[in-house]
Amino acid sequence: MSVIRNLIKETDNPASKLQKNKELDKEKVGHIVKSALDLQRLKIEKLMQNPNKPVVIPEQRKEKDFMQSVPTFVRNVMGSSAGAGSGEFHVYRHLRRKEYARQKMIQAKSVKEQLDEEYQRKLQENRKEAEEKTARKRAKRLKKNSKKCRLQKSQLPKSNHAVQGSGDCQ
């Protein structure tokens, strides 16, 4: 019975219900995340609450260099064949893993160099195309202006107090 009375009281007074909703909305406004933009806004607001606090910016992850850890000369070469002791297999496995990592690093480096070279070549081609296009347009523009100047000069009266043009022609 008391639950019904409480429901009736809430529905009877819609103004108080609206006021409570507004108060709840004010509390929730900063905490509702619907998109990445809202999340970014919340992070910035949190940072700006205390502007004197230092901000930690993580450094970029460095690539692991396997070349330093791999010896260039392996003096005691061994394989996983019969006759090797049980302890030798782990040494072999470790050396094999290092060698595979070294080869993978060399391949990744060559692919990266190839992509960089291709990118630089493409940039050079784009610059060359842009310069050629600019040169063609410049030549066309100069030709048009010179033709326009010749027409203006031929149509001007030969008196000394001729009206000066826009200054393009000389």
N, C-alpha and C. Protein backbone atom coordinates (compact mmCIF):
# COMPACT_ATOMS: atom_id res chain seq x y z
N MET A 1 0.80 -1.19 0.00
CA MET A 1 0.00 0.00 0.00
C MET A 1 0.85 1.26 0.00
N SER A 2 1.96 1.23 0.75
CA SER A 2 2.82 2.41 0.83
C SER A 2 3.52 2.68 -0.52
N VAL A 3 3.77 1.62 -1.25
CA VAL A 3 4.39 1.78 -2.56
C VAL A 3 3.45 2.51 -3.51
N ILE A 4 2.18 2.17 -3.44
CA ILE A 4 1.20 2.81 -4.30
C ILE A 4 1.07 4.28 -3.92
N ARG A 5 1.07 4.60 -2.63
CA ARG A 5 0.97 6.00 -2.19
C ARG A 5 2.18 6.80 -2.70
N ASN A 6 3.36 6.20 -2.64
CA ASN A 6 4.54 6.90 -3.13
C ASN A 6 4.46 7.15 -4.63
N LEU A 7 3.94 6.18 -5.36
CA LEU A 7 3.76 6.36 -6.81
C LEU A 7 2.77 7.46 -7.10
N ILE A 8 1.69 7.49 -6.33
CA ILE A 8 0.67 8.51 -6.52
C ILE A 8 1.24 9.88 -6.20
N LYS A 9 2.02 9.99 -5.14
CA LYS A 9 2.62 11.27 -4.77
C LYS A 9 3.55 11.78 -5.87
N GLU A 10 4.32 10.88 -6.45
CA GLU A 10 5.24 11.30 -7.52
C GLU A 10 4.49 11.74 -8.76
N THR A 11 3.41 11.05 -9.10
CA THR A 11 2.67 11.42 -10.30
C THR A 11 1.83 12.66 -10.06
N ASP A 12 1.41 12.89 -8.80
CA ASP A 12 0.60 14.07 -8.51
C ASP A 12 1.41 15.35 -8.66
N ASN A 13 2.67 15.32 -8.34
CA ASN A 13 3.49 16.53 -8.36
C ASN A 13 4.55 16.43 -9.47
N PRO A 14 4.20 16.76 -10.72
CA PRO A 14 5.15 16.64 -11.82
C PRO A 14 6.28 17.66 -11.75
N ALA A 15 6.06 18.80 -11.09
CA ALA A 15 7.12 19.81 -11.00
C ALA A 15 8.29 19.30 -10.17
N SER A 16 8.00 18.61 -9.07
CA SER A 16 9.09 18.09 -8.25
C SER A 16 9.83 16.98 -8.99
N LYS A 17 9.09 16.20 -9.77
CA LYS A 17 9.71 15.14 -10.54
C LYS A 17 10.66 15.73 -11.59
N LEU A 18 10.27 16.81 -12.26
CA LEU A 18 11.13 17.45 -13.24
C LEU A 18 12.38 18.02 -12.58
N GLN A 19 12.20 18.59 -11.39
CA GLN A 19 13.34 19.17 -10.68
C GLN A 19 14.34 18.07 -10.31
N LYS A 20 13.84 16.93 -9.85
CA LYS A 20 14.73 15.82 -9.52
C LYS A 20 15.47 15.32 -10.76
N ASN A 21 14.75 15.24 -11.88
CA ASN A 21 15.39 14.80 -13.13
C ASN A 21 16.50 15.76 -13.55
N LYS A 22 16.25 17.07 -13.39
CA LYS A 22 17.27 18.06 -13.77
C LYS A 22 18.50 17.91 -12.89
N GLU A 23 18.29 17.67 -11.61
CA GLU A 23 19.42 17.49 -10.70
C GLU A 23 20.22 16.24 -11.07
N LEU A 24 19.51 15.17 -11.40
CA LEU A 24 20.19 13.94 -11.81
C LEU A 24 20.94 14.15 -13.12
N ASP A 25 20.33 14.90 -14.04
CA ASP A 25 20.99 15.16 -15.33
C ASP A 25 22.26 15.96 -15.12
N LYS A 26 22.23 16.94 -14.18
CA LYS A 26 23.43 17.74 -13.92
C LYS A 26 24.56 16.86 -13.39
N GLU A 27 24.23 15.88 -12.57
CA GLU A 27 25.24 14.99 -12.04
C GLU A 27 25.77 14.05 -13.12
N LYS A 28 24.91 13.61 -14.03
CA LYS A 28 25.29 12.63 -15.04
C LYS A 28 25.95 13.24 -16.27
N VAL A 29 25.86 14.54 -16.48
CA VAL A 29 26.31 15.16 -17.72
C VAL A 29 27.78 14.84 -18.01
N GLY A 30 28.64 14.90 -17.02
CA GLY A 30 30.05 14.65 -17.24
C GLY A 30 30.41 13.18 -17.33
N HIS A 31 29.50 12.28 -17.01
CA HIS A 31 29.84 10.87 -16.93
C HIS A 31 29.24 10.01 -18.03
N ILE A 32 28.43 10.58 -18.90
CA ILE A 32 27.82 9.80 -19.98
C ILE A 32 28.78 9.79 -21.16
N VAL A 33 29.18 8.62 -21.57
CA VAL A 33 30.10 8.48 -22.70
C VAL A 33 29.35 7.76 -23.81
N LYS A 34 29.05 8.50 -24.87
CA LYS A 34 28.34 7.92 -26.01
C LYS A 34 29.24 7.75 -27.21
N SER A 35 30.33 8.51 -27.25
CA SER A 35 31.21 8.43 -28.41
C SER A 35 32.64 8.68 -27.97
N ALA A 36 33.54 8.58 -28.90
CA ALA A 36 34.95 8.82 -28.62
C ALA A 36 35.17 10.28 -28.26
N LEU A 37 34.36 11.15 -28.85
CA LEU A 37 34.46 12.58 -28.56
C LEU A 37 34.15 12.85 -27.09
N ASP A 38 33.11 12.20 -26.57
CA ASP A 38 32.76 12.36 -25.15
C ASP A 38 33.88 11.84 -24.25
N LEU A 39 34.46 10.74 -24.62
CA LEU A 39 35.54 10.17 -23.83
C LEU A 39 36.74 11.12 -23.80
N GLN A 40 37.07 11.68 -24.96
CA GLN A 40 38.18 12.63 -25.04
C GLN A 40 37.88 13.86 -24.20
N ARG A 41 36.63 14.34 -24.27
CA ARG A 41 36.23 15.51 -23.48
C ARG A 41 36.38 15.23 -21.99
N LEU A 42 35.98 14.04 -21.55
CA LEU A 42 36.12 13.68 -20.14
C LEU A 42 37.58 13.65 -19.70
N LYS A 43 38.44 13.10 -20.56
CA LYS A 43 39.85 13.04 -20.22
C LYS A 43 40.45 14.44 -20.10
N ILE A 44 40.07 15.32 -21.02
CA ILE A 44 40.59 16.69 -20.98
C ILE A 44 40.08 17.42 -19.75
N GLU A 45 38.80 17.23 -19.42
CA GLU A 45 38.26 17.86 -18.22
C GLU A 45 38.99 17.38 -16.98
N LYS A 46 39.29 16.10 -16.93
CA LYS A 46 40.00 15.55 -15.78
C LYS A 46 41.40 16.15 -15.68
N LEU A 47 42.07 16.31 -16.83
CA LEU A 47 43.40 16.92 -16.82
C LEU A 47 43.34 18.39 -16.39
N MET A 48 42.30 19.08 -16.82
CA MET A 48 42.20 20.51 -16.53
C MET A 48 41.73 20.81 -15.11
N GLN A 49 41.27 19.80 -14.37
CA GLN A 49 40.87 20.02 -12.99
C GLN A 49 42.06 20.46 -12.15
N ASN A 50 43.23 19.94 -12.43
CA ASN A 50 44.43 20.31 -11.71
C ASN A 50 45.53 20.62 -12.72
N PRO A 51 45.61 21.87 -13.21
CA PRO A 51 46.59 22.19 -14.26
C PRO A 51 48.04 22.17 -13.79
N ASN A 52 48.28 22.20 -12.48
CA ASN A 52 49.65 22.18 -11.97
C ASN A 52 50.24 20.78 -11.92
N LYS A 53 49.40 19.77 -12.01
CA LYS A 53 49.86 18.38 -11.95
C LYS A 53 50.57 18.03 -13.25
N PRO A 54 51.77 17.45 -13.16
CA PRO A 54 52.48 17.10 -14.41
C PRO A 54 51.79 15.97 -15.16
N VAL A 55 51.83 16.05 -16.48
CA VAL A 55 51.19 15.05 -17.33
C VAL A 55 52.26 14.09 -17.83
N VAL A 56 51.99 12.80 -17.71
CA VAL A 56 52.94 11.79 -18.17
C VAL A 56 52.58 11.40 -19.60
N ILE A 57 53.50 11.66 -20.51
CA ILE A 57 53.30 11.28 -21.91
C ILE A 57 54.21 10.10 -22.19
N PRO A 58 53.64 8.94 -22.52
CA PRO A 58 54.48 7.76 -22.74
C PRO A 58 55.30 7.91 -24.01
N GLU A 59 56.51 7.33 -23.97
CA GLU A 59 57.38 7.36 -25.15
C GLU A 59 56.95 6.29 -26.13
N GLN A 60 57.39 6.46 -27.37
CA GLN A 60 57.07 5.45 -28.39
C GLN A 60 57.78 4.15 -28.07
N ARG A 61 57.13 3.07 -28.42
CA ARG A 61 57.72 1.77 -28.19
C ARG A 61 58.89 1.56 -29.14
N LYS A 62 60.01 1.15 -28.59
CA LYS A 62 61.19 0.95 -29.41
C LYS A 62 61.18 -0.46 -29.98
N GLU A 63 61.71 -0.58 -31.20
CA GLU A 63 61.80 -1.90 -31.82
C GLU A 63 62.93 -2.68 -31.16
N LYS A 64 62.69 -3.94 -30.95
CA LYS A 64 63.70 -4.79 -30.32
C LYS A 64 64.79 -5.10 -31.33
N ASP A 65 66.01 -4.89 -30.92
CA ASP A 65 67.14 -5.13 -31.81
C ASP A 65 67.76 -6.48 -31.48
N PHE A 66 67.51 -7.45 -32.31
CA PHE A 66 68.03 -8.78 -32.09
C PHE A 66 69.49 -8.89 -32.54
N MET A 67 69.94 -7.94 -33.33
CA MET A 67 71.29 -8.01 -33.87
C MET A 67 72.34 -7.88 -32.77
N GLN A 68 72.04 -7.16 -31.71
CA GLN A 68 73.02 -6.98 -30.64
C GLN A 68 73.17 -8.24 -29.80
N SER A 69 72.08 -8.98 -29.62
CA SER A 69 72.13 -10.13 -28.74
C SER A 69 72.65 -11.39 -29.44
N VAL A 70 72.68 -11.37 -30.77
CA VAL A 70 73.11 -12.56 -31.51
C VAL A 70 74.60 -12.46 -31.80
N PRO A 71 75.36 -13.46 -31.42
CA PRO A 71 76.79 -13.42 -31.76
C PRO A 71 76.96 -13.62 -33.26
N THR A 72 77.95 -12.91 -33.82
CA THR A 72 78.16 -13.02 -35.26
C THR A 72 78.83 -14.35 -35.61
N PHE A 73 79.69 -14.86 -34.75
CA PHE A 73 80.34 -16.13 -35.00
C PHE A 73 79.90 -17.13 -33.93
N VAL A 74 79.35 -18.24 -34.39
CA VAL A 74 78.98 -19.31 -33.47
C VAL A 74 80.04 -20.39 -33.66
N ARG A 75 80.91 -20.55 -32.68
CA ARG A 75 82.07 -21.44 -32.82
C ARG A 75 81.68 -22.92 -32.71
N ASN A 76 80.86 -23.26 -31.72
CA ASN A 76 80.52 -24.66 -31.55
C ASN A 76 79.12 -24.91 -32.12
N VAL A 77 79.08 -25.19 -33.41
CA VAL A 77 77.82 -25.43 -34.10
C VAL A 77 77.36 -26.83 -33.76
N MET A 78 76.11 -26.94 -33.40
CA MET A 78 75.58 -28.26 -33.05
C MET A 78 74.17 -28.40 -33.61
N GLY A 79 73.71 -29.61 -33.73
CA GLY A 79 72.39 -29.87 -34.23
C GLY A 79 71.62 -30.75 -33.27
N SER A 80 70.35 -30.98 -33.59
CA SER A 80 69.54 -31.81 -32.71
C SER A 80 69.53 -33.24 -33.26
N SER A 81 70.70 -33.80 -33.34
CA SER A 81 70.80 -35.15 -33.89
C SER A 81 71.14 -36.14 -32.77
N ALA A 82 71.17 -37.39 -33.13
CA ALA A 82 71.50 -38.42 -32.14
C ALA A 82 72.94 -38.25 -31.70
N GLY A 83 73.21 -38.52 -30.48
CA GLY A 83 74.55 -38.40 -29.96
C GLY A 83 74.75 -37.15 -29.13
N ALA A 84 73.87 -36.21 -29.30
CA ALA A 84 73.97 -35.00 -28.48
C ALA A 84 73.37 -35.30 -27.12
N GLY A 85 73.94 -34.70 -26.10
CA GLY A 85 73.43 -34.92 -24.76
C GLY A 85 72.10 -34.21 -24.56
N SER A 86 71.42 -34.55 -23.49
CA SER A 86 70.10 -33.97 -23.25
C SER A 86 70.18 -32.48 -22.95
N GLY A 87 71.30 -32.03 -22.40
CA GLY A 87 71.46 -30.60 -22.10
C GLY A 87 71.77 -29.78 -23.32
N GLU A 88 72.33 -30.43 -24.35
CA GLU A 88 72.72 -29.70 -25.56
C GLU A 88 71.52 -29.25 -26.39
N PHE A 89 70.42 -29.96 -26.27
CA PHE A 89 69.25 -29.59 -27.08
C PHE A 89 68.74 -28.21 -26.72
N HIS A 90 68.76 -27.87 -25.44
CA HIS A 90 68.26 -26.55 -25.03
C HIS A 90 69.17 -25.44 -25.55
N VAL A 91 70.47 -25.70 -25.57
CA VAL A 91 71.42 -24.73 -26.13
C VAL A 91 71.14 -24.57 -27.62
N TYR A 92 70.95 -25.70 -28.31
CA TYR A 92 70.66 -25.65 -29.75
C TYR A 92 69.37 -24.88 -30.01
N ARG A 93 68.34 -25.17 -29.21
CA ARG A 93 67.06 -24.51 -29.40
C ARG A 93 67.18 -23.00 -29.19
N HIS A 94 67.96 -22.61 -28.19
CA HIS A 94 68.17 -21.19 -27.91
C HIS A 94 68.89 -20.51 -29.08
N LEU A 95 69.95 -21.15 -29.58
CA LEU A 95 70.68 -20.57 -30.72
C LEU A 95 69.81 -20.50 -31.96
N ARG A 96 69.00 -21.54 -32.17
CA ARG A 96 68.10 -21.56 -33.33
C ARG A 96 67.09 -20.42 -33.24
N ARG A 97 66.53 -20.21 -32.04
CA ARG A 97 65.56 -19.12 -31.86
C ARG A 97 66.20 -17.77 -32.14
N LYS A 98 67.43 -17.59 -31.66
CA LYS A 98 68.14 -16.33 -31.92
C LYS A 98 68.40 -16.14 -33.41
N GLU A 99 68.79 -17.21 -34.08
CA GLU A 99 69.07 -17.12 -35.52
C GLU A 99 67.81 -16.78 -36.30
N TYR A 100 66.70 -17.42 -35.96
CA TYR A 100 65.43 -17.09 -36.63
C TYR A 100 65.04 -15.65 -36.38
N ALA A 101 65.24 -15.17 -35.17
CA ALA A 101 64.93 -13.78 -34.86
C ALA A 101 65.82 -12.84 -35.66
N ARG A 102 67.10 -13.20 -35.81
CA ARG A 102 68.03 -12.38 -36.59
C ARG A 102 67.60 -12.33 -38.06
N GLN A 103 67.24 -13.48 -38.62
CA GLN A 103 66.80 -13.52 -40.02
C GLN A 103 65.51 -12.72 -40.22
N LYS A 104 64.60 -12.83 -39.25
CA LYS A 104 63.35 -12.08 -39.34
C LYS A 104 63.63 -10.58 -39.31
N MET A 105 64.58 -10.18 -38.46
CA MET A 105 64.94 -8.77 -38.35
C MET A 105 65.55 -8.26 -39.66
N ILE A 106 66.41 -9.07 -40.26
CA ILE A 106 67.04 -8.69 -41.53
C ILE A 106 65.98 -8.54 -42.62
N GLN A 107 65.04 -9.49 -42.68
CA GLN A 107 63.97 -9.40 -43.69
C GLN A 107 63.09 -8.18 -43.46
N ALA A 108 62.74 -7.91 -42.20
CA ALA A 108 61.90 -6.76 -41.88
C ALA A 108 62.62 -5.46 -42.26
N LYS A 109 63.92 -5.42 -41.99
CA LYS A 109 64.71 -4.24 -42.33
C LYS A 109 64.75 -4.02 -43.84
N SER A 110 64.93 -5.10 -44.61
CA SER A 110 64.97 -4.96 -46.07
C SER A 110 63.61 -4.53 -46.62
N VAL A 111 62.52 -5.06 -46.06
CA VAL A 111 61.19 -4.66 -46.51
C VAL A 111 60.96 -3.18 -46.19
N LYS A 112 61.38 -2.76 -45.01
CA LYS A 112 61.22 -1.36 -44.62
C LYS A 112 62.02 -0.44 -45.55
N GLU A 113 63.27 -0.83 -45.85
CA GLU A 113 64.09 -0.04 -46.76
C GLU A 113 63.45 0.04 -48.15
N GLN A 114 62.89 -1.07 -48.61
CA GLN A 114 62.25 -1.10 -49.92
C GLN A 114 61.04 -0.17 -49.94
N LEU A 115 60.24 -0.21 -48.87
CA LEU A 115 59.07 0.66 -48.81
C LEU A 115 59.48 2.13 -48.74
N ASP A 116 60.54 2.44 -47.98
CA ASP A 116 61.02 3.81 -47.91
C ASP A 116 61.52 4.30 -49.26
N GLU A 117 62.23 3.42 -49.95
CA GLU A 117 62.75 3.77 -51.28
C GLU A 117 61.60 4.03 -52.26
N GLU A 118 60.60 3.18 -52.20
CA GLU A 118 59.43 3.33 -53.07
C GLU A 118 58.70 4.63 -52.76
N TYR A 119 58.57 4.94 -51.47
CA TYR A 119 57.89 6.17 -51.05
C TYR A 119 58.65 7.40 -51.54
N GLN A 120 59.99 7.39 -51.41
CA GLN A 120 60.79 8.52 -51.87
C GLN A 120 60.69 8.68 -53.39
N ARG A 121 60.67 7.57 -54.10
CA ARG A 121 60.52 7.62 -55.55
C ARG A 121 59.19 8.24 -55.94
N LYS A 122 58.13 7.82 -55.23
CA LYS A 122 56.79 8.34 -55.51
C LYS A 122 56.73 9.84 -55.21
N LEU A 123 57.36 10.26 -54.10
CA LEU A 123 57.40 11.69 -53.78
C LEU A 123 58.11 12.47 -54.89
N GLN A 124 59.22 11.93 -55.37
CA GLN A 124 59.98 12.59 -56.44
C GLN A 124 59.14 12.71 -57.71
N GLU A 125 58.42 11.65 -58.06
CA GLU A 125 57.54 11.69 -59.23
C GLU A 125 56.45 12.75 -59.06
N ASN A 126 55.85 12.79 -57.88
CA ASN A 126 54.80 13.78 -57.63
C ASN A 126 55.33 15.20 -57.73
N ARG A 127 56.53 15.43 -57.18
CA ARG A 127 57.13 16.78 -57.28
C ARG A 127 57.38 17.14 -58.74
N LYS A 128 57.91 16.19 -59.50
CA LYS A 128 58.21 16.43 -60.91
C LYS A 128 56.93 16.76 -61.69
N GLU A 129 55.87 15.97 -61.45
CA GLU A 129 54.59 16.22 -62.12
C GLU A 129 54.05 17.60 -61.76
N ALA A 130 54.13 17.95 -60.48
CA ALA A 130 53.62 19.25 -60.03
C ALA A 130 54.40 20.39 -60.67
N GLU A 131 55.73 20.24 -60.76
CA GLU A 131 56.54 21.28 -61.39
C GLU A 131 56.21 21.42 -62.87
N GLU A 132 56.04 20.30 -63.55
CA GLU A 132 55.69 20.34 -64.98
C GLU A 132 54.33 21.00 -65.19
N LYS A 133 53.37 20.63 -64.34
CA LYS A 133 52.04 21.20 -64.44
C LYS A 133 52.08 22.71 -64.19
N THR A 134 52.84 23.11 -63.18
CA THR A 134 52.98 24.53 -62.86
C THR A 134 53.64 25.27 -64.01
N ALA A 135 54.67 24.66 -64.60
CA ALA A 135 55.37 25.30 -65.71
C ALA A 135 54.44 25.48 -66.91
N ARG A 136 53.64 24.47 -67.21
CA ARG A 136 52.67 24.59 -68.32
C ARG A 136 51.67 25.70 -68.06
N LYS A 137 51.14 25.74 -66.85
CA LYS A 137 50.15 26.77 -66.52
C LYS A 137 50.79 28.16 -66.54
N ARG A 138 52.05 28.25 -66.05
CA ARG A 138 52.74 29.53 -66.06
C ARG A 138 52.95 30.01 -67.49
N ALA A 139 53.36 29.10 -68.37
CA ALA A 139 53.58 29.46 -69.77
C ALA A 139 52.26 29.91 -70.42
N LYS A 140 51.20 29.20 -70.13
CA LYS A 140 49.89 29.56 -70.68
C LYS A 140 49.44 30.93 -70.17
N ARG A 141 49.66 31.16 -68.87
CA ARG A 141 49.27 32.43 -68.27
C ARG A 141 50.09 33.58 -68.86
N LEU A 142 51.39 33.39 -69.03
CA LEU A 142 52.24 34.44 -69.60
C LEU A 142 51.87 34.71 -71.05
N LYS A 143 51.56 33.65 -71.79
CA LYS A 143 51.16 33.81 -73.18
C LYS A 143 49.86 34.61 -73.27
N LYS A 144 48.91 34.29 -72.39
CA LYS A 144 47.63 34.99 -72.37
C LYS A 144 47.83 36.46 -72.01
N ASN A 145 48.67 36.72 -71.00
CA ASN A 145 48.92 38.11 -70.60
C ASN A 145 49.63 38.89 -71.68
N SER A 146 50.59 38.27 -72.36
CA SER A 146 51.31 38.99 -73.42
C SER A 146 50.38 39.29 -74.59
N LYS A 147 49.49 38.35 -74.91
CA LYS A 147 48.52 38.59 -75.98
C LYS A 147 47.59 39.73 -75.61
N LYS A 148 47.17 39.74 -74.35
CA LYS A 148 46.28 40.80 -73.85
C LYS A 148 46.98 42.15 -73.89
N CYS A 149 48.25 42.19 -73.55
CA CYS A 149 49.02 43.44 -73.57
C CYS A 149 49.19 43.95 -75.00
N ARG A 150 49.45 43.04 -75.93
CA ARG A 150 49.61 43.46 -77.33
C ARG A 150 48.32 44.07 -77.87
N LEU A 151 47.18 43.46 -77.50
CA LEU A 151 45.89 44.00 -77.94
C LEU A 151 45.64 45.38 -77.34
N GLN A 152 45.96 45.53 -76.04
CA GLN A 152 45.76 46.84 -75.39
C GLN A 152 46.65 47.90 -76.03
N LYS A 153 47.88 47.56 -76.32
CA LYS A 153 48.81 48.53 -76.91
C LYS A 153 48.39 48.91 -78.33
N SER A 154 47.87 47.97 -79.07
CA SER A 154 47.45 48.28 -80.43
C SER A 154 46.18 49.12 -80.46
N GLN A 155 45.32 48.99 -79.42
CA GLN A 155 44.07 49.74 -79.39
C GLN A 155 44.22 51.10 -78.73
N LEU A 156 45.31 51.38 -78.04
CA LEU A 156 45.50 52.67 -77.38
C LEU A 156 45.74 53.76 -78.42
N PRO A 157 45.18 54.93 -78.17
CA PRO A 157 45.49 56.05 -79.07
C PRO A 157 46.96 56.44 -78.91
N LYS A 158 47.52 57.00 -79.96
CA LYS A 158 48.94 57.31 -79.96
C LYS A 158 49.25 58.64 -79.31
N SER A 159 48.33 59.18 -78.54
CA SER A 159 48.58 60.46 -77.86
C SER A 159 49.44 60.24 -76.62
N ASN A 160 50.04 61.30 -76.13
CA ASN A 160 50.95 61.20 -74.98
C ASN A 160 50.20 60.98 -73.67
N HIS A 161 48.96 61.46 -73.61
CA HIS A 161 48.21 61.33 -72.35
C HIS A 161 47.23 60.16 -72.42
N ALA A 162 47.72 59.03 -72.86
CA ALA A 162 46.91 57.82 -72.96
C ALA A 162 46.61 57.28 -71.56
N VAL A 163 45.48 56.67 -71.45
CA VAL A 163 45.07 56.10 -70.17
C VAL A 163 45.94 54.89 -69.86
N GLN A 164 46.49 54.92 -68.66
CA GLN A 164 47.32 53.79 -68.26
C GLN A 164 46.43 52.60 -67.90
N GLY A 165 46.89 51.40 -68.18
CA GLY A 165 46.16 50.17 -67.88
C GLY A 165 46.31 49.79 -66.42
N SER A 166 46.07 48.57 -66.14
CA SER A 166 46.14 48.07 -64.75
C SER A 166 47.57 47.90 -64.29
N GLY A 167 48.54 48.08 -65.15
CA GLY A 167 49.92 47.94 -64.75
C GLY A 167 50.49 46.58 -65.10
N ASP A 168 49.67 45.69 -65.67
CA ASP A 168 50.16 44.37 -66.03
C ASP A 168 51.08 44.44 -67.24
N CYS A 169 50.74 45.31 -68.18
CA CYS A 169 51.52 45.43 -69.40
C CYS A 169 52.62 46.46 -69.21
N GLN A 170 53.74 46.24 -69.83
CA GLN A 170 54.86 47.19 -69.71
C GLN A 170 55.37 47.57 -71.06
